[in-house]
Amino acid sequence: MIPKGISPNGDDKNDNFDLTGFNVRKISIFNRYGKEVFTQGAYTNEWYGQDKKGNELPTGTYYYSIELGNGDSKTGWVYINREE
């Protein structure tokens, strides 16, 4: 199941966008305006809510496009919660 939210606060609970088991070939994350803010090939759970330059993205809803190793793709949303 693809997570609907992450809370990158360093408590080791939902800190990253965990797609273990999905064999992700490429992931792209977009903000609410459709601007690509993060992309990664051969993704292995490196997204902790940061942009392409490593800056923290603000709390909010983001949209993803995932290309899987078997040729399928998935799209959806993920919420970043930075509040304590």
PDB file of N, CA and C in Angstrom:
ATOM      1  N   MET A   1       0.837  -1.184   0.000  1.00  0.00           N
ATOM      2  CA  MET A   1       0.000   0.000   0.000  1.00  0.00           C
ATOM      3  C   MET A   1       0.883   1.249   0.000  1.00  0.00           C
ATOM      4  N   ILE A   2       0.554   2.195  -0.828  1.00  0.00           N
ATOM      5  CA  ILE A   2       1.310   3.441  -0.908  1.00  0.00           C
ATOM      6  C   ILE A   2       0.851   4.366   0.219  1.00  0.00           C
ATOM      7  N   PRO A   3       1.792   4.888   1.002  1.00  0.00           N
ATOM      8  CA  PRO A   3       1.423   5.767   2.117  1.00  0.00           C
ATOM      9  C   PRO A   3       0.722   7.037   1.633  1.00  0.00           C
ATOM     10  N   LYS A   4      -0.180   7.544   2.446  1.00  0.00           N
ATOM     11  CA  LYS A   4      -0.885   8.790   2.139  1.00  0.00           C
ATOM     12  C   LYS A   4      -0.264   9.983   2.850  1.00  0.00           C
ATOM     13  N   GLY A   5       0.741   9.726   3.681  1.00  0.00           N
ATOM     14  CA  GLY A   5       1.368  10.837   4.379  1.00  0.00           C
ATOM     15  C   GLY A   5       2.718  10.464   4.949  1.00  0.00           C
ATOM     16  N   ILE A   6       3.550  11.480   5.149  1.00  0.00           N
ATOM     17  CA  ILE A   6       4.827  11.314   5.832  1.00  0.00           C
ATOM     18  C   ILE A   6       4.955  12.426   6.865  1.00  0.00           C
ATOM     19  N   SER A   7       5.716  12.151   7.911  1.00  0.00           N
ATOM     20  CA  SER A   7       5.985  13.153   8.947  1.00  0.00           C
ATOM     21  C   SER A   7       7.486  13.145   9.238  1.00  0.00           C
ATOM     22  N   PRO A   8       8.254  13.838   8.405  1.00  0.00           N
ATOM     23  CA  PRO A   8       9.714  13.803   8.514  1.00  0.00           C
ATOM     24  C   PRO A   8      10.242  14.618   9.694  1.00  0.00           C
ATOM     25  N   ASN A   9      10.079  14.053  10.892  1.00  0.00           N
ATOM     26  CA  ASN A   9      10.494  14.764  12.104  1.00  0.00           C
ATOM     27  C   ASN A   9      11.589  14.028  12.871  1.00  0.00           C
ATOM     28  N   GLY A  10      12.131  12.966  12.296  1.00  0.00           N
ATOM     29  CA  GLY A  10      13.246  12.273  12.920  1.00  0.00           C
ATOM     30  C   GLY A  10      12.883  11.252  13.976  1.00  0.00           C
ATOM     31  N   ASP A  11      11.601  10.891  14.099  1.00  0.00           N
ATOM     32  CA  ASP A  11      11.208   9.911  15.120  1.00  0.00           C
ATOM     33  C   ASP A  11      11.198   8.477  14.582  1.00  0.00           C
ATOM     34  N   ASP A  12      11.643   8.286  13.345  1.00  0.00           N
ATOM     35  CA  ASP A  12      11.689   6.976  12.686  1.00  0.00           C
ATOM     36  C   ASP A  12      10.313   6.371  12.437  1.00  0.00           C
ATOM     37  N   LYS A  13       9.268   7.183  12.464  1.00  0.00           N
ATOM     38  CA  LYS A  13       7.907   6.735  12.149  1.00  0.00           C
ATOM     39  C   LYS A  13       7.390   7.580  10.994  1.00  0.00           C
ATOM     40  N   ASN A  14       7.228   6.969   9.850  1.00  0.00           N
ATOM     41  CA  ASN A  14       6.712   7.657   8.659  1.00  0.00           C
ATOM     42  C   ASN A  14       7.574   8.847   8.243  1.00  0.00           C
ATOM     43  N   ASP A  15       8.883   8.755   8.481  1.00  0.00           N
ATOM     44  CA  ASP A  15       9.774   9.864   8.139  1.00  0.00           C
ATOM     45  C   ASP A  15       9.995  10.007   6.639  1.00  0.00           C
ATOM     46  N   ASN A  16       9.878   8.913   5.896  1.00  0.00           N
ATOM     47  CA  ASN A  16      10.106   8.975   4.451  1.00  0.00           C
ATOM     48  C   ASN A  16       8.943   8.326   3.703  1.00  0.00           C
ATOM     49  N   PHE A  17       8.943   8.535   2.403  1.00  0.00           N
ATOM     50  CA  PHE A  17       7.911   7.971   1.525  1.00  0.00           C
ATOM     51  C   PHE A  17       8.342   6.548   1.198  1.00  0.00           C
ATOM     52  N   ASP A  18       7.880   5.611   1.998  1.00  0.00           N
ATOM     53  CA  ASP A  18       8.339   4.218   1.956  1.00  0.00           C
ATOM     54  C   ASP A  18       7.574   3.429   0.898  1.00  0.00           C
ATOM     55  N   LEU A  19       8.281   3.107  -0.176  1.00  0.00           N
ATOM     56  CA  LEU A  19       7.692   2.329  -1.268  1.00  0.00           C
ATOM     57  C   LEU A  19       8.374   0.973  -1.396  1.00  0.00           C
ATOM     58  N   THR A  20       8.834   0.446  -0.270  1.00  0.00           N
ATOM     59  CA  THR A  20       9.479  -0.860  -0.246  1.00  0.00           C
ATOM     60  C   THR A  20       8.557  -1.901  -0.878  1.00  0.00           C
ATOM     61  N   GLY A  21       9.108  -2.711  -1.773  1.00  0.00           N
ATOM     62  CA  GLY A  21       8.340  -3.769  -2.415  1.00  0.00           C
ATOM     63  C   GLY A  21       7.685  -3.376  -3.728  1.00  0.00           C
ATOM     64  N   PHE A  22       7.779  -2.105  -4.109  1.00  0.00           N
ATOM     65  CA  PHE A  22       7.135  -1.657  -5.343  1.00  0.00           C
ATOM     66  C   PHE A  22       8.046  -1.679  -6.561  1.00  0.00           C
ATOM     67  N   ASN A  23       9.350  -1.881  -6.393  1.00  0.00           N
ATOM     68  CA  ASN A  23      10.306  -1.891  -7.508  1.00  0.00           C
ATOM     69  C   ASN A  23      10.137  -0.637  -8.364  1.00  0.00           C
ATOM     70  N   VAL A  24      10.347   0.521  -7.731  1.00  0.00           N
ATOM     71  CA  VAL A  24      10.151   1.814  -8.389  1.00  0.00           C
ATOM     72  C   VAL A  24      11.331   2.132  -9.306  1.00  0.00           C
ATOM     73  N   ARG A  25      11.027   2.324 -10.578  1.00  0.00           N
ATOM     74  CA  ARG A  25      12.055   2.706 -11.548  1.00  0.00           C
ATOM     75  C   ARG A  25      12.296   4.211 -11.497  1.00  0.00           C
ATOM     76  N   LYS A  26      11.210   4.994 -11.325  1.00  0.00           N
ATOM     77  CA  LYS A  26      11.333   6.448 -11.249  1.00  0.00           C
ATOM     78  C   LYS A  26      10.149   7.006 -10.478  1.00  0.00           C
ATOM     79  N   ILE A  27      10.426   8.043  -9.692  1.00  0.00           N
ATOM     80  CA  ILE A  27       9.358   8.748  -8.991  1.00  0.00           C
ATOM     81  C   ILE A  27       9.514  10.237  -9.239  1.00  0.00           C
ATOM     82  N   SER A  28       8.396  10.906  -9.421  1.00  0.00           N
ATOM     83  CA  SER A  28       8.367  12.358  -9.529  1.00  0.00           C
ATOM     84  C   SER A  28       7.326  12.867  -8.545  1.00  0.00           C
ATOM     85  N   ILE A  29       7.676  13.935  -7.830  1.00  0.00           N
ATOM     86  CA  ILE A  29       6.778  14.565  -6.866  1.00  0.00           C
ATOM     87  C   ILE A  29       6.492  15.979  -7.362  1.00  0.00           C
ATOM     88  N   PHE A  30       5.217  16.375  -7.296  1.00  0.00           N
ATOM     89  CA  PHE A  30       4.787  17.682  -7.784  1.00  0.00           C
ATOM     90  C   PHE A  30       4.075  18.443  -6.674  1.00  0.00           C
ATOM     91  N   ASN A  31       4.205  19.781  -6.694  1.00  0.00           N
ATOM     92  CA  ASN A  31       3.461  20.589  -5.734  1.00  0.00           C
ATOM     93  C   ASN A  31       2.044  20.818  -6.254  1.00  0.00           C
ATOM     94  N   ARG A  32       1.268  21.584  -5.528  1.00  0.00           N
ATOM     95  CA  ARG A  32      -0.140  21.783  -5.892  1.00  0.00           C
ATOM     96  C   ARG A  32      -0.324  22.559  -7.188  1.00  0.00           C
ATOM     97  N   TYR A  33       0.737  23.199  -7.657  1.00  0.00           N
ATOM     98  CA  TYR A  33       0.670  23.946  -8.915  1.00  0.00           C
ATOM     99  C   TYR A  33       1.144  23.117 -10.109  1.00  0.00           C
ATOM    100  N   GLY A  34       1.544  21.871  -9.854  1.00  0.00           N
ATOM    101  CA  GLY A  34       1.995  20.999 -10.925  1.00  0.00           C
ATOM    102  C   GLY A  34       3.479  21.095 -11.224  1.00  0.00           C
ATOM    103  N   LYS A  35       4.217  21.859 -10.419  1.00  0.00           N
ATOM    104  CA  LYS A  35       5.664  21.982 -10.613  1.00  0.00           C
ATOM    105  C   LYS A  35       6.364  20.774 -10.000  1.00  0.00           C
ATOM    106  N   GLU A  36       7.247  20.150 -10.784  1.00  0.00           N
ATOM    107  CA  GLU A  36       8.009  19.020 -10.257  1.00  0.00           C
ATOM    108  C   GLU A  36       8.999  19.541  -9.222  1.00  0.00           C
ATOM    109  N   VAL A  37       8.910  19.013  -7.998  1.00  0.00           N
ATOM    110  CA  VAL A  37       9.791  19.472  -6.921  1.00  0.00           C
ATOM    111  C   VAL A  37      10.837  18.432  -6.545  1.00  0.00           C
ATOM    112  N   PHE A  38      10.622  17.176  -6.956  1.00  0.00           N
ATOM    113  CA  PHE A  38      11.570  16.107  -6.655  1.00  0.00           C
ATOM    114  C   PHE A  38      11.429  15.027  -7.712  1.00  0.00           C
ATOM    115  N   THR A  39      12.545  14.437  -8.094  1.00  0.00           N
ATOM    116  CA  THR A  39      12.525  13.286  -8.993  1.00  0.00           C
ATOM    117  C   THR A  39      13.707  12.393  -8.656  1.00  0.00           C
ATOM    118  N   GLN A  40      13.517  11.101  -8.812  1.00  0.00           N
ATOM    119  CA  GLN A  40      14.582  10.151  -8.477  1.00  0.00           C
ATOM    120  C   GLN A  40      14.387   8.897  -9.308  1.00  0.00           C
ATOM    121  N   GLY A  41      15.442   8.458  -9.969  1.00  0.00           N
ATOM    122  CA  GLY A  41      15.436   7.179 -10.657  1.00  0.00           C
ATOM    123  C   GLY A  41      15.893   6.096  -9.703  1.00  0.00           C
ATOM    124  N   ALA A  42      15.485   4.861  -9.941  1.00  0.00           N
ATOM    125  CA  ALA A  42      15.853   3.724  -9.076  1.00  0.00           C
ATOM    126  C   ALA A  42      15.615   4.074  -7.607  1.00  0.00           C
ATOM    127  N   TYR A  43      14.411   4.515  -7.306  1.00  0.00           N
ATOM    128  CA  TYR A  43      14.047   5.014  -5.975  1.00  0.00           C
ATOM    129  C   TYR A  43      14.117   3.930  -4.910  1.00  0.00           C
ATOM    130  N   THR A  44      14.789   4.250  -3.812  1.00  0.00           N
ATOM    131  CA  THR A  44      14.854   3.344  -2.653  1.00  0.00           C
ATOM    132  C   THR A  44      14.573   4.113  -1.370  1.00  0.00           C
ATOM    133  N   ASN A  45      13.448   4.795  -1.337  1.00  0.00           N
ATOM    134  CA  ASN A  45      12.935   5.489  -0.152  1.00  0.00           C
ATOM    135  C   ASN A  45      13.771   6.687   0.280  1.00  0.00           C
ATOM    136  N   GLU A  46      14.312   7.448  -0.691  1.00  0.00           N
ATOM    137  CA  GLU A  46      15.124   8.617  -0.366  1.00  0.00           C
ATOM    138  C   GLU A  46      14.331   9.896  -0.127  1.00  0.00           C
ATOM    139  N   TRP A  47      13.019   9.884  -0.320  1.00  0.00           N
ATOM    140  CA  TRP A  47      12.278  11.137  -0.196  1.00  0.00           C
ATOM    141  C   TRP A  47      11.756  11.317   1.221  1.00  0.00           C
ATOM    142  N   TYR A  48      12.272  12.359   1.861  1.00  0.00           N
ATOM    143  CA  TYR A  48      11.885  12.738   3.220  1.00  0.00           C
ATOM    144  C   TYR A  48      11.154  14.075   3.215  1.00  0.00           C
ATOM    145  N   GLY A  49      10.564  14.437   2.085  1.00  0.00           N
ATOM    146  CA  GLY A  49       9.857  15.710   1.987  1.00  0.00           C
ATOM    147  C   GLY A  49      10.748  16.862   1.573  1.00  0.00           C
ATOM    148  N   GLN A  50      11.805  16.566   0.817  1.00  0.00           N
ATOM    149  CA  GLN A  50      12.719  17.617   0.373  1.00  0.00           C
ATOM    150  C   GLN A  50      12.543  17.881  -1.122  1.00  0.00           C
ATOM    151  N   ASP A  51      13.007  19.059  -1.556  1.00  0.00           N
ATOM    152  CA  ASP A  51      12.975  19.355  -2.984  1.00  0.00           C
ATOM    153  C   ASP A  51      14.241  18.832  -3.653  1.00  0.00           C
ATOM    154  N   LYS A  52      14.405  19.154  -4.931  1.00  0.00           N
ATOM    155  CA  LYS A  52      15.550  18.657  -5.706  1.00  0.00           C
ATOM    156  C   LYS A  52      16.890  19.117  -5.149  1.00  0.00           C
ATOM    157  N   LYS A  53      16.892  20.260  -4.432  1.00  0.00           N
ATOM    158  CA  LYS A  53      18.133  20.805  -3.872  1.00  0.00           C
ATOM    159  C   LYS A  53      18.358  20.379  -2.426  1.00  0.00           C
ATOM    160  N   GLY A  54      17.435  19.593  -1.877  1.00  0.00           N
ATOM    161  CA  GLY A  54      17.569  19.129  -0.505  1.00  0.00           C
ATOM    162  C   GLY A  54      16.901  20.009   0.532  1.00  0.00           C
ATOM    163  N   ASN A  55      16.201  21.057   0.094  1.00  0.00           N
ATOM    164  CA  ASN A  55      15.496  21.944   1.017  1.00  0.00           C
ATOM    165  C   ASN A  55      14.174  21.317   1.453  1.00  0.00           C
ATOM    166  N   GLU A  56      13.805  21.523   2.710  1.00  0.00           N
ATOM    167  CA  GLU A  56      12.537  20.998   3.217  1.00  0.00           C
ATOM    168  C   GLU A  56      11.366  21.654   2.502  1.00  0.00           C
ATOM    169  N   LEU A  57      10.431  20.834   2.046  1.00  0.00           N
ATOM    170  CA  LEU A  57       9.188  21.346   1.488  1.00  0.00           C
ATOM    171  C   LEU A  57       8.220  21.612   2.636  1.00  0.00           C
ATOM    172  N   PRO A  58       7.355  22.614   2.499  1.00  0.00           N
ATOM    173  CA  PRO A  58       6.419  22.920   3.580  1.00  0.00           C
ATOM    174  C   PRO A  58       5.318  21.869   3.716  1.00  0.00           C
ATOM    175  N   THR A  59       4.670  21.887   4.865  1.00  0.00           N
ATOM    176  CA  THR A  59       3.505  21.045   5.104  1.00  0.00           C
ATOM    177  C   THR A  59       2.503  21.253   3.974  1.00  0.00           C
ATOM    178  N   GLY A  60       1.902  20.167   3.521  1.00  0.00           N
ATOM    179  CA  GLY A  60       0.899  20.278   2.471  1.00  0.00           C
ATOM    180  C   GLY A  60       0.754  18.996   1.678  1.00  0.00           C
ATOM    181  N   THR A  61      -0.125  19.045   0.700  1.00  0.00           N
ATOM    182  CA  THR A  61      -0.392  17.903  -0.168  1.00  0.00           C
ATOM    183  C   THR A  61       0.456  18.006  -1.429  1.00  0.00           C
ATOM    184  N   TYR A  62       1.073  16.893  -1.782  1.00  0.00           N
ATOM    185  CA  TYR A  62       1.907  16.792  -2.977  1.00  0.00           C
ATOM    186  C   TYR A  62       1.399  15.611  -3.798  1.00  0.00           C
ATOM    187  N   TYR A  63       1.739  15.604  -5.048  1.00  0.00           N
ATOM    188  CA  TYR A  63       1.246  14.581  -5.962  1.00  0.00           C
ATOM    189  C   TYR A  63       2.420  13.811  -6.539  1.00  0.00           C
ATOM    190  N   TYR A  64       2.238  12.517  -6.731  1.00  0.00           N
ATOM    191  CA  TYR A  64       3.335  11.693  -7.228  1.00  0.00           C
ATOM    192  C   TYR A  64       2.938  10.975  -8.510  1.00  0.00           C
ATOM    193  N   SER A  65       3.958  10.674  -9.280  1.00  0.00           N
ATOM    194  CA  SER A  65       3.855   9.809 -10.448  1.00  0.00           C
ATOM    195  C   SER A  65       4.981   8.799 -10.312  1.00  0.00           C
ATOM    196  N   ILE A  66       4.622   7.528 -10.299  1.00  0.00           N
ATOM    197  CA  ILE A  66       5.594   6.460 -10.075  1.00  0.00           C
ATOM    198  C   ILE A  66       5.608   5.537 -11.285  1.00  0.00           C
ATOM    199  N   GLU A  67       6.799   5.290 -11.813  1.00  0.00           N
ATOM    200  CA  GLU A  67       6.984   4.295 -12.868  1.00  0.00           C
ATOM    201  C   GLU A  67       7.566   3.046 -12.216  1.00  0.00           C
ATOM    202  N   LEU A  68       6.881   1.928 -12.377  1.00  0.00           N
ATOM    203  CA  LEU A  68       7.321   0.682 -11.765  1.00  0.00           C
ATOM    204  C   LEU A  68       8.184  -0.123 -12.729  1.00  0.00           C
ATOM    205  N   GLY A  69       8.955  -1.022 -12.184  1.00  0.00           N
ATOM    206  CA  GLY A  69       9.849  -1.852 -12.976  1.00  0.00           C
ATOM    207  C   GLY A  69       9.145  -2.727 -13.993  1.00  0.00           C
ATOM    208  N   ASN A  70       7.871  -3.062 -13.743  1.00  0.00           N
ATOM    209  CA  ASN A  70       7.125  -3.919 -14.676  1.00  0.00           C
ATOM    210  C   ASN A  70       6.428  -3.123 -15.780  1.00  0.00           C
ATOM    211  N   GLY A  71       6.659  -1.801 -15.822  1.00  0.00           N
ATOM    212  CA  GLY A  71       6.060  -0.968 -16.857  1.00  0.00           C
ATOM    213  C   GLY A  71       4.784  -0.273 -16.436  1.00  0.00           C
ATOM    214  N   ASP A  72       4.183  -0.684 -15.328  1.00  0.00           N
ATOM    215  CA  ASP A  72       2.983  -0.023 -14.827  1.00  0.00           C
ATOM    216  C   ASP A  72       3.351   1.331 -14.230  1.00  0.00           C
ATOM    217  N   SER A  73       2.334   2.161 -14.023  1.00  0.00           N
ATOM    218  CA  SER A  73       2.547   3.438 -13.350  1.00  0.00           C
ATOM    219  C   SER A  73       1.427   3.665 -12.345  1.00  0.00           C
ATOM    220  N   LYS A  74       1.732   4.472 -11.352  1.00  0.00           N
ATOM    221  CA  LYS A  74       0.763   4.821 -10.321  1.00  0.00           C
ATOM    222  C   LYS A  74       0.853   6.318 -10.078  1.00  0.00           C
ATOM    223  N   THR A  75      -0.294   6.925  -9.811  1.00  0.00           N
ATOM    224  CA  THR A  75      -0.339   8.337  -9.457  1.00  0.00           C
ATOM    225  C   THR A  75      -1.209   8.488  -8.225  1.00  0.00           C
ATOM    226  N   GLY A  76      -0.995   9.557  -7.499  1.00  0.00           N
ATOM    227  CA  GLY A  76      -1.787   9.808  -6.309  1.00  0.00           C
ATOM    228  C   GLY A  76      -1.234  10.990  -5.547  1.00  0.00           C
ATOM    229  N   TRP A  77      -1.606  11.076  -4.285  1.00  0.00           N
ATOM    230  CA  TRP A  77      -1.174  12.195  -3.459  1.00  0.00           C
ATOM    231  C   TRP A  77      -0.540  11.688  -2.176  1.00  0.00           C
ATOM    232  N   VAL A  78       0.276  12.552  -1.575  1.00  0.00           N
ATOM    233  CA  VAL A  78       0.905  12.272  -0.286  1.00  0.00           C
ATOM    234  C   VAL A  78       0.959  13.590   0.488  1.00  0.00           C
ATOM    235  N   TYR A  79       0.670  13.521   1.768  1.00  0.00           N
ATOM    236  CA  TYR A  79       0.650  14.711   2.616  1.00  0.00           C
ATOM    237  C   TYR A  79       1.920  14.766   3.451  1.00  0.00           C
ATOM    238  N   ILE A  80       2.592  15.907   3.443  1.00  0.00           N
ATOM    239  CA  ILE A  80       3.740  16.130   4.330  1.00  0.00           C
ATOM    240  C   ILE A  80       3.229  16.858   5.559  1.00  0.00           C
ATOM    241  N   ASN A  81       3.438  16.255   6.729  1.00  0.00           N
ATOM    242  CA  ASN A  81       3.051  16.875   7.991  1.00  0.00           C
ATOM    243  C   ASN A  81       4.320  17.207   8.761  1.00  0.00           C
ATOM    244  N   ARG A  82       4.627  18.472   8.870  1.00  0.00           N
ATOM    245  CA  ARG A  82       5.821  18.911   9.596  1.00  0.00           C
ATOM    246  C   ARG A  82       5.471  19.455  10.975  1.00  0.00           C
ATOM    247  N   GLU A  83       4.218  19.411  11.343  1.00  0.00           N
ATOM    248  CA  GLU A  83       3.806  19.945  12.640  1.00  0.00           C
ATOM    249  C   GLU A  83       4.116  18.954  13.741  1.00  0.00           C
ATOM    250  N   GLU A  84       4.435  19.464  14.890  1.00  0.00           N
ATOM    251  CA  GLU A  84       4.775  18.621  16.051  1.00  0.00           C
ATOM    252  C   GLU A  84       3.524  18.045  16.673  1.00  0.00           C
TER     253      GLU A  84
END
